[in-house]
Amino acid sequence: MVKYCGYLLTDSWLRQRALDMGYPPPKTLQDSNGIVELASMQVMARAGIFSYARVRRVKTPKGKYFWCIALACDDPFTVGERLSTRAPPEVEYKALKEALGKDFPPRWYRAI
C-alpha cells in the first residue's frame, strides 16, 4: 500500500482558488479537472515546491477522498513519482503550510 506525505485539499477549495485566480466557473467535468490542476500547480509554484511535489488523490483513515499536495512517497519504486521517501524538513514545506493556512506538519495518507 503506497502512502503520500502531504497536505489535503478539497475539490471546493481548489475550485474557489481557481475562481479567485480569475478562471471562469467549470461547465464540464473536463473543465473541473483542469481547474483543479491549474489551481494546485499555482499553489505549488507560489510555495516554491513545484519541482519536487505532486498532486495525488488519497484516502483518509475515515474513508474520505481528497486531493493531496504530496511532498514524499513511501514507495521508492512508484514509477514517475520522483518524490523523497521521507517527510521533508520544515524549511521545505513552510511556505506551503502558510499558503494553505495549516498549523501542523504534512501527514501520511493512503494512495488510491
C-alpha atoms as a PDB file:
ATOM      1  CA  MET A   1       0.000   0.000   0.000  1.00  0.00           C
ATOM      2  CA  VAL A   2       1.547   3.270  -1.169  1.00  0.00           C
ATOM      3  CA  LYS A   3       1.282   6.355   1.032  1.00  0.00           C
ATOM      4  CA  TYR A   4       1.900  10.023   0.334  1.00  0.00           C
ATOM      5  CA  CYS A   5       3.037  12.648   2.814  1.00  0.00           C
ATOM      6  CA  GLY A   6       1.403  15.995   2.256  1.00  0.00           C
ATOM      7  CA  TYR A   7      -1.495  18.350   2.810  1.00  0.00           C
ATOM      8  CA  LEU A   8      -5.120  17.630   1.919  1.00  0.00           C
ATOM      9  CA  LEU A   9      -7.169  19.856  -0.371  1.00  0.00           C
ATOM     10  CA  THR A  10     -10.855  19.608  -1.167  1.00  0.00           C
ATOM     11  CA  ASP A  11     -12.352  19.988  -4.623  1.00  0.00           C
ATOM     12  CA  SER A  12     -14.317  23.009  -3.435  1.00  0.00           C
ATOM     13  CA  TRP A  13     -11.202  24.732  -2.051  1.00  0.00           C
ATOM     14  CA  LEU A  14      -9.365  24.186  -5.333  1.00  0.00           C
ATOM     15  CA  ARG A  15     -12.325  25.413  -7.408  1.00  0.00           C
ATOM     16  CA  GLN A  16     -12.615  28.528  -5.238  1.00  0.00           C
ATOM     17  CA  ARG A  17      -8.882  29.135  -5.549  1.00  0.00           C
ATOM     18  CA  ALA A  18      -9.218  28.944  -9.342  1.00  0.00           C
ATOM     19  CA  LEU A  19     -12.126  31.414  -9.291  1.00  0.00           C
ATOM     20  CA  ASP A  20     -10.051  33.750  -7.103  1.00  0.00           C
ATOM     21  CA  MET A  21      -7.292  33.496  -9.730  1.00  0.00           C
ATOM     22  CA  GLY A  22      -9.747  34.671 -12.393  1.00  0.00           C
ATOM     23  CA  TYR A  23     -10.663  31.403 -14.079  1.00  0.00           C
ATOM     24  CA  PRO A  24     -14.313  31.019 -15.124  1.00  0.00           C
ATOM     25  CA  PRO A  25     -16.526  28.500 -13.301  1.00  0.00           C
ATOM     26  CA  PRO A  26     -16.214  24.997 -14.781  1.00  0.00           C
ATOM     27  CA  LYS A  27     -19.045  23.867 -17.062  1.00  0.00           C
ATOM     28  CA  THR A  28     -17.958  20.277 -17.683  1.00  0.00           C
ATOM     29  CA  LEU A  29     -16.124  17.547 -15.776  1.00  0.00           C
ATOM     30  CA  GLN A  30     -13.122  18.182 -18.018  1.00  0.00           C
ATOM     31  CA  ASP A  31     -13.224  21.885 -17.102  1.00  0.00           C
ATOM     32  CA  SER A  32     -13.434  20.979 -13.413  1.00  0.00           C
ATOM     33  CA  ASN A  33     -10.420  18.670 -13.650  1.00  0.00           C
ATOM     34  CA  GLY A  34      -8.466  21.350 -15.491  1.00  0.00           C
ATOM     35  CA  ILE A  35      -9.329  23.930 -12.836  1.00  0.00           C
ATOM     36  CA  VAL A  36      -8.155  21.580 -10.069  1.00  0.00           C
ATOM     37  CA  GLU A  37      -4.874  21.044 -11.892  1.00  0.00           C
ATOM     38  CA  LEU A  38      -4.292  24.757 -12.560  1.00  0.00           C
ATOM     39  CA  ALA A  39      -5.107  25.820  -9.006  1.00  0.00           C
ATOM     40  CA  SER A  40      -2.891  23.160  -7.421  1.00  0.00           C
ATOM     41  CA  MET A  41       0.000  23.978  -9.754  1.00  0.00           C
ATOM     42  CA  GLN A  42      -0.321  27.664  -8.878  1.00  0.00           C
ATOM     43  CA  VAL A  43      -0.260  26.914  -5.142  1.00  0.00           C
ATOM     44  CA  MET A  44       2.819  24.699  -5.533  1.00  0.00           C
ATOM     45  CA  ALA A  45       4.613  27.262  -7.716  1.00  0.00           C
ATOM     46  CA  ARG A  46       3.980  30.114  -5.286  1.00  0.00           C
ATOM     47  CA  ALA A  47       5.176  27.973  -2.380  1.00  0.00           C
ATOM     48  CA  GLY A  48       8.375  27.116  -4.277  1.00  0.00           C
ATOM     49  CA  ILE A  49       7.759  23.365  -4.259  1.00  0.00           C
ATOM     50  CA  PHE A  50       6.598  22.825  -7.844  1.00  0.00           C
ATOM     51  CA  SER A  51       9.738  20.931  -8.858  1.00  0.00           C
ATOM     52  CA  TYR A  52       9.509  18.293  -6.130  1.00  0.00           C
ATOM     53  CA  ALA A  53       5.823  17.993  -5.204  1.00  0.00           C
ATOM     54  CA  ARG A  54       2.958  16.185  -6.913  1.00  0.00           C
ATOM     55  CA  VAL A  55      -0.821  16.341  -6.652  1.00  0.00           C
ATOM     56  CA  ARG A  56      -2.357  12.957  -5.929  1.00  0.00           C
ATOM     57  CA  ARG A  57      -5.683  11.503  -4.800  1.00  0.00           C
ATOM     58  CA  VAL A  58      -5.609   9.960  -1.342  1.00  0.00           C
ATOM     59  CA  LYS A  59      -7.947   8.343   1.148  1.00  0.00           C
ATOM     60  CA  THR A  60      -8.033   9.267   4.828  1.00  0.00           C
ATOM     61  CA  PRO A  61      -8.348   6.689   7.629  1.00  0.00           C
ATOM     62  CA  LYS A  62     -12.028   7.684   7.856  1.00  0.00           C
ATOM     63  CA  GLY A  63     -12.546   6.691   4.204  1.00  0.00           C
ATOM     64  CA  LYS A  64     -12.857  10.176   2.702  1.00  0.00           C
ATOM     65  CA  TYR A  65     -11.159  11.097  -0.572  1.00  0.00           C
ATOM     66  CA  PHE A  66      -9.136  14.265  -1.080  1.00  0.00           C
ATOM     67  CA  TRP A  67      -6.525  15.808  -3.295  1.00  0.00           C
ATOM     68  CA  CYS A  68      -3.101  15.865  -1.652  1.00  0.00           C
ATOM     69  CA  ILE A  69      -0.112  18.044  -2.409  1.00  0.00           C
ATOM     70  CA  ALA A  70       2.395  15.252  -1.881  1.00  0.00           C
ATOM     71  CA  LEU A  71       5.923  16.026  -0.740  1.00  0.00           C
ATOM     72  CA  ALA A  72       7.014  12.416  -0.201  1.00  0.00           C
ATOM     73  CA  CYS A  73       6.017   8.865  -1.125  1.00  0.00           C
ATOM     74  CA  ASP A  74       6.864   5.809   0.972  1.00  0.00           C
ATOM     75  CA  ASP A  75       7.397   3.644  -2.127  1.00  0.00           C
ATOM     76  CA  PRO A  76      10.675   4.450  -3.907  1.00  0.00           C
ATOM     77  CA  PHE A  77       9.631   2.236  -6.830  1.00  0.00           C
ATOM     78  CA  THR A  78       6.391   4.036  -7.682  1.00  0.00           C
ATOM     79  CA  VAL A  79       7.032   4.855 -11.323  1.00  0.00           C
ATOM     80  CA  GLY A  80       7.394   8.511 -12.191  1.00  0.00           C
ATOM     81  CA  GLU A  81       6.912   9.888  -8.691  1.00  0.00           C
ATOM     82  CA  ARG A  82      10.457  11.095  -8.095  1.00  0.00           C
ATOM     83  CA  LEU A  83       9.463  12.021  -4.571  1.00  0.00           C
ATOM     84  CA  SER A  84      11.527  11.640  -1.443  1.00  0.00           C
ATOM     85  CA  THR A  85      10.731   8.579   0.650  1.00  0.00           C
ATOM     86  CA  ARG A  86      10.920  10.619   3.865  1.00  0.00           C
ATOM     87  CA  ALA A  87       8.875  13.545   5.112  1.00  0.00           C
ATOM     88  CA  PRO A  88      10.714  16.772   4.296  1.00  0.00           C
ATOM     89  CA  PRO A  89      12.189  19.134   6.879  1.00  0.00           C
ATOM     90  CA  GLU A  90      10.003  22.137   7.767  1.00  0.00           C
ATOM     91  CA  VAL A  91      12.131  24.572   5.798  1.00  0.00           C
ATOM     92  CA  GLU A  92      10.997  22.796   2.605  1.00  0.00           C
ATOM     93  CA  TYR A  93       7.254  22.933   3.291  1.00  0.00           C
ATOM     94  CA  LYS A  94       6.881  26.040   5.470  1.00  0.00           C
ATOM     95  CA  ALA A  95       5.706  28.300   2.594  1.00  0.00           C
ATOM     96  CA  LEU A  96       3.111  25.701   1.533  1.00  0.00           C
ATOM     97  CA  LYS A  97       1.918  25.280   5.108  1.00  0.00           C
ATOM     98  CA  GLU A  98       1.433  29.039   5.402  1.00  0.00           C
ATOM     99  CA  ALA A  99      -0.260  29.347   1.985  1.00  0.00           C
ATOM    100  CA  LEU A 100      -2.779  26.670   2.972  1.00  0.00           C
ATOM    101  CA  GLY A 101      -3.317  28.069   6.473  1.00  0.00           C
ATOM    102  CA  LYS A 102      -2.229  24.843   8.165  1.00  0.00           C
ATOM    103  CA  ASP A 103      -0.699  24.725  11.632  1.00  0.00           C
ATOM    104  CA  PHE A 104       0.707  21.196  11.523  1.00  0.00           C
ATOM    105  CA  PRO A 105       3.328  19.304   9.506  1.00  0.00           C
ATOM    106  CA  PRO A 106       2.344  17.249   6.444  1.00  0.00           C
ATOM    107  CA  ARG A 107       0.769  13.881   7.197  1.00  0.00           C
ATOM    108  CA  TRP A 108       0.793  10.459   5.550  1.00  0.00           C
ATOM    109  CA  TYR A 109      -2.257   9.307   3.573  1.00  0.00           C
ATOM    110  CA  ARG A 110      -3.043   6.170   1.582  1.00  0.00           C
ATOM    111  CA  ALA A 111      -2.885   6.489  -2.205  1.00  0.00           C
ATOM    112  CA  ILE A 112      -5.906   5.493  -4.240  1.00  0.00           C
END
